[in-house]
PDB file of N, CA and C in Angstrom:
ATOM      1  N   MET A   1       0.818  -1.197   0.000  1.00  0.00           N
ATOM      2  CA  MET A   1       0.000   0.000   0.000  1.00  0.00           C
ATOM      3  C   MET A   1       0.865   1.265   0.000  1.00  0.00           C
ATOM      4  N   GLU A   2       2.103   1.155   0.398  1.00  0.00           N
ATOM      5  CA  GLU A   2       2.954   2.342   0.462  1.00  0.00           C
ATOM      6  C   GLU A   2       3.204   2.934  -0.924  1.00  0.00           C
ATOM      7  N   LYS A   3       3.121   2.119  -1.956  1.00  0.00           N
ATOM      8  CA  LYS A   3       3.322   2.610  -3.316  1.00  0.00           C
ATOM      9  C   LYS A   3       2.108   3.368  -3.837  1.00  0.00           C
ATOM     10  N   PHE A   4       0.983   3.224  -3.162  1.00  0.00           N
ATOM     11  CA  PHE A   4      -0.265   3.826  -3.618  1.00  0.00           C
ATOM     12  C   PHE A   4      -0.907   4.622  -2.469  1.00  0.00           C
ATOM     13  N   PRO A   5      -0.352   5.771  -2.141  1.00  0.00           N
ATOM     14  CA  PRO A   5      -0.849   6.516  -0.970  1.00  0.00           C
ATOM     15  C   PRO A   5      -2.308   6.958  -1.094  1.00  0.00           C
ATOM     16  N   ASP A   6      -2.771   7.277  -2.290  1.00  0.00           N
ATOM     17  CA  ASP A   6      -4.170   7.697  -2.446  1.00  0.00           C
ATOM     18  C   ASP A   6      -5.121   6.541  -2.157  1.00  0.00           C
ATOM     19  N   GLU A   7      -4.783   5.358  -2.665  1.00  0.00           N
ATOM     20  CA  GLU A   7      -5.615   4.190  -2.420  1.00  0.00           C
ATOM     21  C   GLU A   7      -5.598   3.810  -0.944  1.00  0.00           C
ATOM     22  N   LYS A   8      -4.434   3.936  -0.320  1.00  0.00           N
ATOM     23  CA  LYS A   8      -4.327   3.637   1.107  1.00  0.00           C
ATOM     24  C   LYS A   8      -5.201   4.603   1.911  1.00  0.00           C
ATOM     25  N   ALA A   9      -5.144   5.881   1.595  1.00  0.00           N
ATOM     26  CA  ALA A   9      -5.950   6.876   2.311  1.00  0.00           C
ATOM     27  C   ALA A   9      -7.441   6.579   2.138  1.00  0.00           C
ATOM     28  N   HIS A  10      -7.844   6.210   0.932  1.00  0.00           N
ATOM     29  CA  HIS A  10      -9.259   5.890   0.704  1.00  0.00           C
ATOM     30  C   HIS A  10      -9.667   4.654   1.518  1.00  0.00           C
ATOM     31  N   ALA A  11      -8.842   3.614   1.462  1.00  0.00           N
ATOM     32  CA  ALA A  11      -9.167   2.390   2.204  1.00  0.00           C
ATOM     33  C   ALA A  11      -9.305   2.688   3.689  1.00  0.00           C
ATOM     34  N   LEU A  12      -8.435   3.489   4.230  1.00  0.00           N
ATOM     35  CA  LEU A  12      -8.523   3.836   5.654  1.00  0.00           C
ATOM     36  C   LEU A  12      -9.741   4.706   5.948  1.00  0.00           C
ATOM     37  N   SER A  13     -10.129   5.540   4.994  1.00  0.00           N
ATOM     38  CA  SER A  13     -11.274   6.430   5.222  1.00  0.00           C
ATOM     39  C   SER A  13     -12.593   5.671   5.289  1.00  0.00           C
ATOM     40  N   VAL A  14     -12.676   4.521   4.631  1.00  0.00           N
ATOM     41  CA  VAL A  14     -13.916   3.750   4.658  1.00  0.00           C
ATOM     42  C   VAL A  14     -13.874   2.629   5.700  1.00  0.00           C
ATOM     43  N   ALA A  15     -12.738   2.421   6.317  1.00  0.00           N
ATOM     44  CA  ALA A  15     -12.611   1.374   7.337  1.00  0.00           C
ATOM     45  C   ALA A  15     -13.222   1.865   8.644  1.00  0.00           C
ATOM     46  N   PRO A  16     -14.255   1.179   9.153  1.00  0.00           N
ATOM     47  CA  PRO A  16     -14.901   1.617  10.390  1.00  0.00           C
ATOM     48  C   PRO A  16     -13.936   1.764  11.567  1.00  0.00           C
ATOM     49  N   ASN A  17     -12.929   0.908  11.621  1.00  0.00           N
ATOM     50  CA  ASN A  17     -11.953   0.991  12.713  1.00  0.00           C
ATOM     51  C   ASN A  17     -10.861   2.018  12.435  1.00  0.00           C
ATOM     52  N   GLY A  18     -10.822   2.529  11.223  1.00  0.00           N
ATOM     53  CA  GLY A  18      -9.836   3.546  10.872  1.00  0.00           C
ATOM     54  C   GLY A  18      -8.411   3.020  10.770  1.00  0.00           C
ATOM     55  N   ARG A  19      -8.283   1.720  10.616  1.00  0.00           N
ATOM     56  CA  ARG A  19      -6.946   1.129  10.495  1.00  0.00           C
ATOM     57  C   ARG A  19      -7.052  -0.201   9.769  1.00  0.00           C
ATOM     58  N   PHE A  20      -5.916  -0.706   9.345  1.00  0.00           N
ATOM     59  CA  PHE A  20      -5.867  -2.028   8.752  1.00  0.00           C
ATOM     60  C   PHE A  20      -5.668  -3.058   9.853  1.00  0.00           C
ATOM     61  N   GLY A  21      -6.185  -4.233   9.631  1.00  0.00           N
ATOM     62  CA  GLY A  21      -5.938  -5.325  10.563  1.00  0.00           C
ATOM     63  C   GLY A  21      -4.499  -5.790  10.448  1.00  0.00           C
ATOM     64  N   THR A  22      -4.034  -6.402  11.505  1.00  0.00           N
ATOM     65  CA  THR A  22      -2.664  -6.918  11.497  1.00  0.00           C
ATOM     66  C   THR A  22      -2.680  -8.399  11.125  1.00  0.00           C
ATOM     67  N   PRO A  23      -1.567  -8.906  10.652  1.00  0.00           N
ATOM     68  CA  PRO A  23      -1.490 -10.345  10.390  1.00  0.00           C
ATOM     69  C   PRO A  23      -1.820 -11.173  11.635  1.00  0.00           C
ATOM     70  N   GLU A  24      -1.426 -10.675  12.795  1.00  0.00           N
ATOM     71  CA  GLU A  24      -1.709 -11.385  14.039  1.00  0.00           C
ATOM     72  C   GLU A  24      -3.208 -11.478  14.306  1.00  0.00           C
ATOM     73  N   GLU A  25      -3.954 -10.417  13.989  1.00  0.00           N
ATOM     74  CA  GLU A  25      -5.403 -10.439  14.196  1.00  0.00           C
ATOM     75  C   GLU A  25      -6.074 -11.467  13.290  1.00  0.00           C
ATOM     76  N   ILE A  26      -5.620 -11.562  12.061  1.00  0.00           N
ATOM     77  CA  ILE A  26      -6.160 -12.557  11.138  1.00  0.00           C
ATOM     78  C   ILE A  26      -5.781 -13.958  11.628  1.00  0.00           C
ATOM     79  N   ALA A  27      -4.531 -14.114  12.029  1.00  0.00           N
ATOM     80  CA  ALA A  27      -4.065 -15.411  12.525  1.00  0.00           C
ATOM     81  C   ALA A  27      -4.846 -15.843  13.759  1.00  0.00           C
ATOM     82  N   ASN A  28      -5.159 -14.916  14.653  1.00  0.00           N
ATOM     83  CA  ASN A  28      -5.916 -15.272  15.858  1.00  0.00           C
ATOM     84  C   ASN A  28      -7.286 -15.830  15.509  1.00  0.00           C
ATOM     85  N   ALA A  29      -7.925 -15.282  14.495  1.00  0.00           N
ATOM     86  CA  ALA A  29      -9.226 -15.808  14.071  1.00  0.00           C
ATOM     87  C   ALA A  29      -9.076 -17.219  13.519  1.00  0.00           C
ATOM     88  N   ILE A  30      -8.033 -17.447  12.751  1.00  0.00           N
ATOM     89  CA  ILE A  30      -7.793 -18.778  12.190  1.00  0.00           C
ATOM     90  C   ILE A  30      -7.490 -19.776  13.301  1.00  0.00           C
ATOM     91  N   ILE A  31      -6.663 -19.362  14.242  1.00  0.00           N
ATOM     92  CA  ILE A  31      -6.328 -20.234  15.366  1.00  0.00           C
ATOM     93  C   ILE A  31      -7.592 -20.601  16.150  1.00  0.00           C
ATOM     94  N   PHE A  32      -8.470 -19.637  16.352  1.00  0.00           N
ATOM     95  CA  PHE A  32      -9.716 -19.924  17.060  1.00  0.00           C
ATOM     96  C   PHE A  32     -10.543 -20.972  16.321  1.00  0.00           C
ATOM     97  N   VAL A  33     -10.722 -20.785  15.011  1.00  0.00           N
ATOM     98  CA  VAL A  33     -11.555 -21.711  14.242  1.00  0.00           C
ATOM     99  C   VAL A  33     -10.957 -23.120  14.258  1.00  0.00           C
ATOM    100  N   LEU A  34      -9.651 -23.210  14.323  1.00  0.00           N
ATOM    101  CA  LEU A  34      -8.995 -24.521  14.341  1.00  0.00           C
ATOM    102  C   LEU A  34      -8.902 -25.128  15.738  1.00  0.00           C
ATOM    103  N   SER A  35      -9.306 -24.361  16.746  1.00  0.00           N
ATOM    104  CA  SER A  35      -9.159 -24.830  18.123  1.00  0.00           C
ATOM    105  C   SER A  35     -10.388 -25.600  18.599  1.00  0.00           C
ATOM    106  N   LYS A  36     -10.225 -26.252  19.728  1.00  0.00           N
ATOM    107  CA  LYS A  36     -11.356 -26.961  20.350  1.00  0.00           C
ATOM    108  C   LYS A  36     -12.426 -25.990  20.832  1.00  0.00           C
ATOM    109  N   ASP A  37     -12.073 -24.727  21.056  1.00  0.00           N
ATOM    110  CA  ASP A  37     -13.064 -23.728  21.466  1.00  0.00           C
ATOM    111  C   ASP A  37     -14.141 -23.525  20.408  1.00  0.00           C
ATOM    112  N   ALA A  38     -13.826 -23.835  19.166  1.00  0.00           N
ATOM    113  CA  ALA A  38     -14.793 -23.674  18.075  1.00  0.00           C
ATOM    114  C   ALA A  38     -15.422 -25.003  17.664  1.00  0.00           C
ATOM    115  N   SER A  39     -15.288 -26.015  18.495  1.00  0.00           N
ATOM    116  CA  SER A  39     -15.753 -27.354  18.109  1.00  0.00           C
ATOM    117  C   SER A  39     -17.265 -27.439  17.905  1.00  0.00           C
ATOM    118  N   PHE A  40     -18.028 -26.525  18.466  1.00  0.00           N
ATOM    119  CA  PHE A  40     -19.484 -26.556  18.308  1.00  0.00           C
ATOM    120  C   PHE A  40     -19.951 -25.675  17.153  1.00  0.00           C
ATOM    121  N   MET A  41     -19.041 -24.954  16.529  1.00  0.00           N
ATOM    122  CA  MET A  41     -19.378 -24.116  15.371  1.00  0.00           C
ATOM    123  C   MET A  41     -19.488 -24.990  14.134  1.00  0.00           C
ATOM    124  N   THR A  42     -20.574 -24.808  13.396  1.00  0.00           N
ATOM    125  CA  THR A  42     -20.740 -25.501  12.116  1.00  0.00           C
ATOM    126  C   THR A  42     -21.391 -24.550  11.132  1.00  0.00           C
ATOM    127  N   GLY A  43     -20.888 -24.520   9.942  1.00  0.00           N
ATOM    128  CA  GLY A  43     -21.501 -23.740   8.881  1.00  0.00           C
ATOM    129  C   GLY A  43     -21.598 -22.256   9.160  1.00  0.00           C
ATOM    130  N   ALA A  44     -20.630 -21.698   9.838  1.00  0.00           N
ATOM    131  CA  ALA A  44     -20.669 -20.274  10.179  1.00  0.00           C
ATOM    132  C   ALA A  44     -19.694 -19.486   9.311  1.00  0.00           C
ATOM    133  N   ASP A  45     -20.059 -18.258   9.025  1.00  0.00           N
ATOM    134  CA  ASP A  45     -19.134 -17.326   8.379  1.00  0.00           C
ATOM    135  C   ASP A  45     -18.517 -16.480   9.477  1.00  0.00           C
ATOM    136  N   LEU A  46     -17.222 -16.411   9.487  1.00  0.00           N
ATOM    137  CA  LEU A  46     -16.522 -15.599  10.463  1.00  0.00           C
ATOM    138  C   LEU A  46     -15.898 -14.427   9.725  1.00  0.00           C
ATOM    139  N   MET A  47     -16.501 -13.277   9.872  1.00  0.00           N
ATOM    140  CA  MET A  47     -16.006 -12.085   9.187  1.00  0.00           C
ATOM    141  C   MET A  47     -14.876 -11.471  10.006  1.00  0.00           C
ATOM    142  N   VAL A  48     -13.707 -11.395   9.427  1.00  0.00           N
ATOM    143  CA  VAL A  48     -12.545 -10.818  10.094  1.00  0.00           C
ATOM    144  C   VAL A  48     -12.079  -9.669   9.204  1.00  0.00           C
ATOM    145  N   ASP A  49     -12.892  -8.611   9.209  1.00  0.00           N
ATOM    146  CA  ASP A  49     -12.620  -7.495   8.308  1.00  0.00           C
ATOM    147  C   ASP A  49     -12.744  -6.136   8.996  1.00  0.00           C
ATOM    148  N   GLY A  50     -12.659  -6.121  10.311  1.00  0.00           N
ATOM    149  CA  GLY A  50     -12.731  -4.852  11.032  1.00  0.00           C
ATOM    150  C   GLY A  50     -14.057  -4.137  10.855  1.00  0.00           C
ATOM    151  N   ALA A  51     -15.113  -4.878  10.623  1.00  0.00           N
ATOM    152  CA  ALA A  51     -16.480  -4.367  10.445  1.00  0.00           C
ATOM    153  C   ALA A  51     -16.691  -3.692   9.092  1.00  0.00           C
ATOM    154  N   LEU A  52     -15.774  -3.876   8.159  1.00  0.00           N
ATOM    155  CA  LEU A  52     -15.942  -3.273   6.839  1.00  0.00           C
ATOM    156  C   LEU A  52     -17.234  -3.742   6.177  1.00  0.00           C
ATOM    157  N   HIS A  53     -17.601  -5.011   6.374  1.00  0.00           N
ATOM    158  CA  HIS A  53     -18.835  -5.533   5.761  1.00  0.00           C
ATOM    159  C   HIS A  53     -20.075  -4.781   6.237  1.00  0.00           C
ATOM    160  N   SER A  54     -20.020  -4.210   7.421  1.00  0.00           N
ATOM    161  CA  SER A  54     -21.192  -3.513   7.957  1.00  0.00           C
ATOM    162  C   SER A  54     -21.518  -2.243   7.172  1.00  0.00           C
ATOM    163  N   ARG A  55     -20.546  -1.704   6.484  1.00  0.00           N
ATOM    164  CA  ARG A  55     -20.786  -0.502   5.662  1.00  0.00           C
ATOM    165  C   ARG A  55     -21.644  -0.820   4.447  1.00  0.00           C
ATOM    166  N   TYR A  56     -21.629  -2.083   4.038  1.00  0.00           N
ATOM    167  CA  TYR A  56     -22.303  -2.463   2.799  1.00  0.00           C
ATOM    168  C   TYR A  56     -23.475  -3.408   3.034  1.00  0.00           C
ATOM    169  N   ALA A  57     -23.830  -3.620   4.270  1.00  0.00           N
ATOM    170  CA  ALA A  57     -24.925  -4.547   4.583  1.00  0.00           C
ATOM    171  C   ALA A  57     -26.278  -3.921   4.325  1.00  0.00           C
TER     172      ALA A  57
END
């Protein structure tokens, strides 16, 4: 994104959290889904997008 500052500014302006997610935040969601804590989850969508989907719902 550093090569495209205008696109980066736009992406941040529409992001409800006002920032990009970190690789660790994405990894934590994956780790959860693969863990025994998620053993009762079936057929669920797990949105890990900083609430970006809520802007278009």
